[in-house]
Protein backbone atom coordinates (compact mmCIF):
# COMPACT_ATOMS: atom_id res chain seq x y z
CA MET A 1 8.60 27.65 -7.05
CA LEU A 2 9.36 28.65 -3.48
CA HIS A 3 13.04 29.27 -2.69
CA GLY A 4 14.07 27.07 -5.60
CA GLN A 5 11.83 24.15 -4.67
CA LYS A 6 9.37 22.83 -7.23
CA ILE A 7 5.78 22.69 -5.96
CA ALA A 8 3.26 20.21 -7.32
CA VAL A 9 -0.45 19.98 -6.49
CA VAL A 10 -2.00 16.55 -7.00
CA LEU A 11 -5.76 16.09 -7.36
CA PRO A 12 -7.06 12.54 -6.67
CA ALA A 13 -10.31 12.67 -8.64
CA TYR A 14 -13.42 10.56 -8.95
CA ASN A 15 -16.50 12.11 -10.58
CA ALA A 16 -15.22 15.63 -9.87
CA ALA A 17 -16.39 17.38 -13.04
CA ALA A 18 -18.88 19.61 -11.19
CA THR A 19 -16.28 21.10 -8.81
CA LEU A 20 -12.94 20.85 -10.59
CA ARG A 21 -13.06 24.28 -12.28
CA ARG A 22 -13.74 26.06 -8.97
CA THR A 23 -10.95 24.17 -7.24
CA TYR A 24 -8.44 24.81 -10.00
CA ALA A 25 -9.32 28.53 -10.21
CA GLU A 26 -8.11 29.07 -6.64
CA ILE A 27 -4.84 27.12 -6.83
CA PRO A 28 -2.02 29.71 -6.51
CA LEU A 29 -0.35 29.16 -9.87
CA ASP A 30 2.16 31.92 -9.09
CA ILE A 31 4.06 29.44 -6.91
CA VAL A 32 2.72 26.08 -8.13
CA ASP A 33 4.82 24.59 -10.92
CA ASP A 34 2.78 21.50 -11.70
CA VAL A 35 -0.88 20.51 -11.30
CA ILE A 36 -1.60 16.80 -11.74
CA LEU A 37 -4.99 15.10 -11.78
CA ILE A 38 -5.32 11.35 -11.40
CA ASP A 39 -8.74 10.20 -12.52
CA ASP A 40 -9.90 6.97 -10.90
CA ALA A 41 -12.08 5.76 -13.80
CA SER A 42 -14.72 8.45 -13.32
CA ARG A 43 -18.11 8.07 -14.95
CA ASP A 44 -18.54 11.79 -15.64
CA GLU A 45 -16.59 14.40 -17.62
CA THR A 46 -13.73 14.83 -15.12
CA VAL A 47 -11.00 14.01 -17.65
CA ALA A 48 -12.44 16.31 -20.31
CA VAL A 49 -12.70 19.21 -17.85
CA ALA A 50 -9.15 18.63 -16.58
CA GLN A 51 -7.72 18.54 -20.08
CA SER A 52 -9.61 21.71 -21.05
CA LEU A 53 -7.90 23.44 -18.12
CA GLY A 54 -4.47 22.27 -19.25
CA ILE A 55 -3.98 20.02 -16.21
CA HIS A 56 -1.60 17.09 -16.63
CA THR A 57 -4.08 14.22 -16.47
CA VAL A 58 -3.63 10.49 -15.91
CA ARG A 59 -6.63 8.17 -16.07
CA HIS A 60 -6.82 4.78 -14.37
CA THR A 61 -8.29 2.17 -16.69
CA ARG A 62 -10.16 0.74 -13.70
CA ASN A 63 -11.08 2.12 -10.30
CA LEU A 64 -8.22 1.54 -7.84
CA GLY A 65 -9.81 3.16 -4.80
CA TYR A 66 -8.95 6.30 -2.84
CA GLY A 67 -5.60 4.99 -1.63
CA GLY A 68 -4.74 3.51 -5.01
CA ASN A 69 -5.43 6.89 -6.60
CA GLN A 70 -3.06 8.67 -4.21
CA LYS A 71 -0.28 6.17 -4.87
CA THR A 72 -0.39 7.18 -8.52
CA CYS A 73 -0.61 10.86 -7.51
CA TYR A 74 2.61 10.79 -5.51
CA ARG A 75 4.51 8.55 -7.91
CA THR A 76 3.62 10.82 -10.83
CA ALA A 77 4.55 14.01 -8.97
CA LEU A 78 7.94 12.62 -7.98
CA ASP A 79 8.59 11.37 -11.50
CA ARG A 80 7.89 14.91 -12.75
CA GLY A 81 10.47 16.39 -10.38
CA ALA A 82 8.41 17.77 -7.48
CA ASP A 83 10.23 18.79 -4.29
CA ILE A 84 7.01 19.43 -2.36
CA VAL A 85 3.71 17.71 -3.15
CA VAL A 86 0.38 19.07 -1.93
CA MET A 87 -2.57 16.67 -2.09
CA LEU A 88 -5.86 18.55 -2.54
CA HIS A 89 -9.29 17.03 -3.10
CA PRO A 90 -10.81 18.51 -6.28
CA ASP A 91 -14.31 18.65 -4.73
CA TYR A 92 -13.84 22.25 -3.50
CA GLN A 93 -14.32 21.23 0.12
CA TYR A 94 -10.96 22.72 1.18
CA ALA A 95 -9.44 26.15 0.47
CA PRO A 96 -6.92 25.83 -2.42
CA ARG A 97 -5.32 29.20 -1.62
CA LEU A 98 -3.70 27.63 1.46
CA VAL A 99 -1.30 25.72 -0.80
CA THR A 100 1.19 28.58 -0.50
CA ALA A 101 1.13 28.57 3.30
CA MET A 102 1.38 24.78 3.53
CA ALA A 103 4.28 24.57 1.09
CA SER A 104 6.01 27.46 2.88
CA MET A 105 5.93 25.56 6.19
CA ILE A 106 7.94 22.78 4.54
CA VAL A 107 10.25 25.15 2.65
CA SER A 108 11.06 26.81 5.99
CA GLY A 109 12.79 23.61 7.08
CA GLU A 110 10.69 23.35 10.24
CA TYR A 111 8.33 20.63 9.00
CA ASP A 112 8.46 17.62 6.71
CA ALA A 113 4.70 17.32 6.27
CA VAL A 114 1.74 19.64 6.87
CA LEU A 115 -1.94 18.85 7.46
CA ALA A 116 -4.73 21.35 6.81
CA SER A 117 -6.97 20.91 9.85
CA ARG A 118 -10.71 21.52 9.79
CA ILE A 119 -10.82 21.20 13.57
CA LEU A 120 -8.40 24.00 14.48
CA GLY A 121 -10.65 27.04 14.90
CA LYS A 122 -14.35 26.68 14.11
CA GLY A 123 -14.16 25.86 10.42
CA ALA A 124 -15.69 22.37 10.53
CA LEU A 125 -19.12 23.01 12.01
CA VAL A 126 -19.41 26.49 10.49
CA GLY A 127 -18.65 24.95 7.10
CA GLY A 128 -21.44 22.42 7.50
CA MET A 129 -19.66 19.27 8.70
CA PRO A 130 -22.41 16.90 9.95
CA LEU A 131 -22.43 16.74 13.73
CA TYR A 132 -21.96 12.96 13.82
CA LYS A 133 -18.83 13.30 11.66
CA TYR A 134 -17.47 16.06 13.87
CA VAL A 135 -18.01 14.00 17.02
CA ALA A 136 -16.50 10.90 15.39
CA ASN A 137 -13.50 12.95 14.18
CA ARG A 138 -12.85 14.30 17.67
CA GLY A 139 -13.28 10.88 19.30
CA LEU A 140 -11.04 9.05 16.86
CA THR A 141 -8.39 11.76 17.05
CA PHE A 142 -8.38 11.61 20.87
CA VAL A 143 -7.76 7.85 20.83
CA GLN A 144 -5.19 8.10 18.03
CA ASN A 145 -3.19 10.77 19.86
CA ILE A 146 -3.01 8.55 22.93
CA LEU A 147 -1.99 5.43 21.02
CA MET A 148 0.39 7.19 18.66
CA GLY A 149 1.94 9.66 21.11
CA GLN A 150 0.99 12.74 19.09
CA LYS A 151 -0.96 15.97 19.62
CA LEU A 152 -2.64 16.51 16.27
CA SER A 153 -6.01 18.24 16.06
CA GLU A 154 -7.19 15.72 13.43
CA TYR A 155 -5.91 12.80 11.38
CA HIS A 156 -8.65 12.82 8.75
CA SER A 157 -8.04 15.85 6.56
CA GLY A 158 -7.95 15.34 2.80
CA TYR A 159 -5.54 18.25 2.36
CA ARG A 160 -1.87 17.47 3.00
CA ALA A 161 1.59 18.62 1.96
CA TRP A 162 4.67 16.40 1.85
CA SER A 163 8.36 16.91 1.24
CA ARG A 164 10.01 14.76 -1.39
CA THR A 165 12.15 13.23 1.37
CA VAL A 166 9.07 11.89 3.17
CA LEU A 167 7.51 10.46 0.03
CA GLU A 168 10.74 8.71 -0.94
CA SER A 169 11.29 7.34 2.57
CA ILE A 170 7.97 5.64 3.32
CA ALA A 171 6.49 2.56 1.64
CA LEU A 172 3.21 3.85 0.22
CA ASP A 173 2.56 0.68 -1.77
CA ARG A 174 2.14 -1.20 1.52
CA CYS A 175 -0.75 1.05 2.52
CA SER A 176 -4.39 0.23 1.81
CA ASP A 177 -6.07 1.18 -1.45
CA ASP A 178 -9.13 2.27 0.57
CA PHE A 179 -9.81 5.36 2.69
CA VAL A 180 -7.63 4.22 5.62
CA PHE A 181 -4.64 4.90 3.33
CA ASP A 182 -4.39 8.45 4.73
CA ASN A 183 -3.96 7.22 8.29
CA GLN A 184 -1.53 4.49 7.36
CA MET A 185 0.56 7.03 5.47
CA LEU A 186 0.58 9.29 8.53
CA ALA A 187 1.54 6.35 10.74
CA GLN A 188 4.51 5.54 8.51
CA THR A 189 5.54 9.21 8.58
CA MET A 190 5.41 9.29 12.37
CA HIS A 191 7.22 5.97 12.67
CA ALA A 192 10.05 7.36 10.53
CA GLY A 193 10.39 10.36 12.86
CA PHE A 194 9.36 13.11 10.44
CA ARG A 195 7.99 16.42 11.76
CA ILE A 196 4.31 17.07 11.11
CA GLY A 197 2.77 20.54 11.28
CA GLU A 198 -0.82 21.74 11.05
CA ILE A 199 -2.60 24.79 9.69
CA SER A 200 -6.21 25.84 10.25
CA CYS A 201 -8.40 25.37 7.16
CA PRO A 202 -12.02 26.33 6.50
CA THR A 203 -14.16 23.63 4.94
CA ARG A 204 -17.31 23.51 2.85
CA TYR A 205 -19.98 20.80 2.87
CA PHE A 206 -22.43 20.96 -0.03
CA ASP A 207 -24.19 18.60 -2.44
CA ASP A 208 -21.33 18.30 -4.95
CA ALA A 209 -18.62 17.82 -2.31
CA SER A 210 -17.54 14.19 -2.01
CA SER A 211 -18.36 12.31 1.16
CA ILE A 212 -18.57 8.68 2.24
CA ASN A 213 -21.80 7.29 3.66
CA PHE A 214 -22.41 6.20 7.25
CA ARG A 215 -21.57 2.54 6.60
CA ARG A 216 -18.27 3.38 4.88
CA SER A 217 -17.54 5.88 7.66
CA CYS A 218 -17.89 3.11 10.25
CA ILE A 219 -15.57 0.81 8.29
CA TYR A 220 -13.09 3.67 8.00
CA GLY A 221 -13.28 4.37 11.74
CA LEU A 222 -12.53 0.76 12.61
CA GLY A 223 -9.60 0.79 10.19
CA VAL A 224 -8.26 3.95 11.80
CA LEU A 225 -8.40 2.44 15.28
CA LYS A 226 -6.67 -0.73 14.05
CA THR A 227 -3.92 1.36 12.44
CA ALA A 228 -3.33 3.28 15.68
CA LEU A 229 -3.32 0.12 17.81
CA ASP A 230 -0.99 -1.71 15.45
CA TYR A 231 1.32 1.31 15.50
CA ARG A 232 1.49 1.25 19.32
CA LEU A 233 2.06 -2.52 19.47
CA ASN A 234 4.80 -2.19 16.87
CA ARG A 235 6.49 0.60 18.87
CA PHE A 236 6.33 -1.57 22.00
CA GLY A 237 7.92 -4.43 20.10
CA LEU A 238 4.87 -6.64 20.65
CA ARG A 239 4.36 -7.24 16.94
CA SER A 240 6.14 -6.64 13.68
CA ASP A 241 3.76 -4.83 11.35
CA PRO A 242 4.58 -5.18 7.62
CA LEU A 243 3.58 -1.53 7.23
CA TYR A 244 6.84 -0.51 8.92
CA SER A 245 9.11 -3.45 8.14
CA PRO A 246 11.94 -2.69 5.70
CA SER A 247 12.36 -6.42 5.05
CA VAL A 248 9.01 -6.74 3.27
CA PRO A 249 9.16 -5.89 -0.45
CA ALA A 250 6.82 -3.20 -1.66
CA ALA A 251 3.68 -4.21 -3.53
CA SER A 252 3.70 -4.34 -7.30
CA GLU A 253 2.82 -1.37 -9.47
CA PRO A 254 -0.90 -0.50 -9.70
CA ALA A 255 -3.11 -1.36 -12.65
CA GLN A 256 -2.29 0.21 -15.98
CA VAL A 257 -2.88 3.94 -16.22
CA ARG A 258 -3.45 6.07 -19.27
CA SER A 259 -2.33 9.65 -19.78
């Protein structure tokens, strides 16, 4: 706990058996009260490794996608009483020890959500981020900041911390089940007026770290630009996007999961 607030780390996992032990070993368990892994129907030994480490594990009976995985992550963490939820990829690409700093920024009362940025500082290229991904990240972020009226260093980090208030206030079930989920979640957070902070984070690119291919990256990029444009049109009152409309009922619960 930090100042009486329960901290949960959620690990959205898919075929993460090779990196899970290293990731878990660096999570600061002195302040983290709950570690939760949601396995998205992996084809390797992810569940067995997680259970051997004593991690609370939930397994999807079918693959629900990156966004679908996170929906279960956040729902499970809230159901288990978390006040602050940190989403960390279990592929050891990000530095787990930063959980304390990220949670502290929310506990301070200054921020409602915190992003661990690979772009602040020189962590991205030094850590091996492919040049085309770095350039695409910078270009997309530039356009997003203009359309969304923000000054973030990046929108594409897979390492994020959220207050319970944010997670209970936005409609996650209306977000995509694919990779654009992260950006739609951020857009909802901004639309609701929550305060978003950033912290510099080193990153590691290596064979076992998860990454989407060039084709999926292009699809993701187009989805990101559409999200930013829809956000701006919605703010201007030129369209009513269901992502932000309180009158649209949330989607149904995801496919059956198994603990």
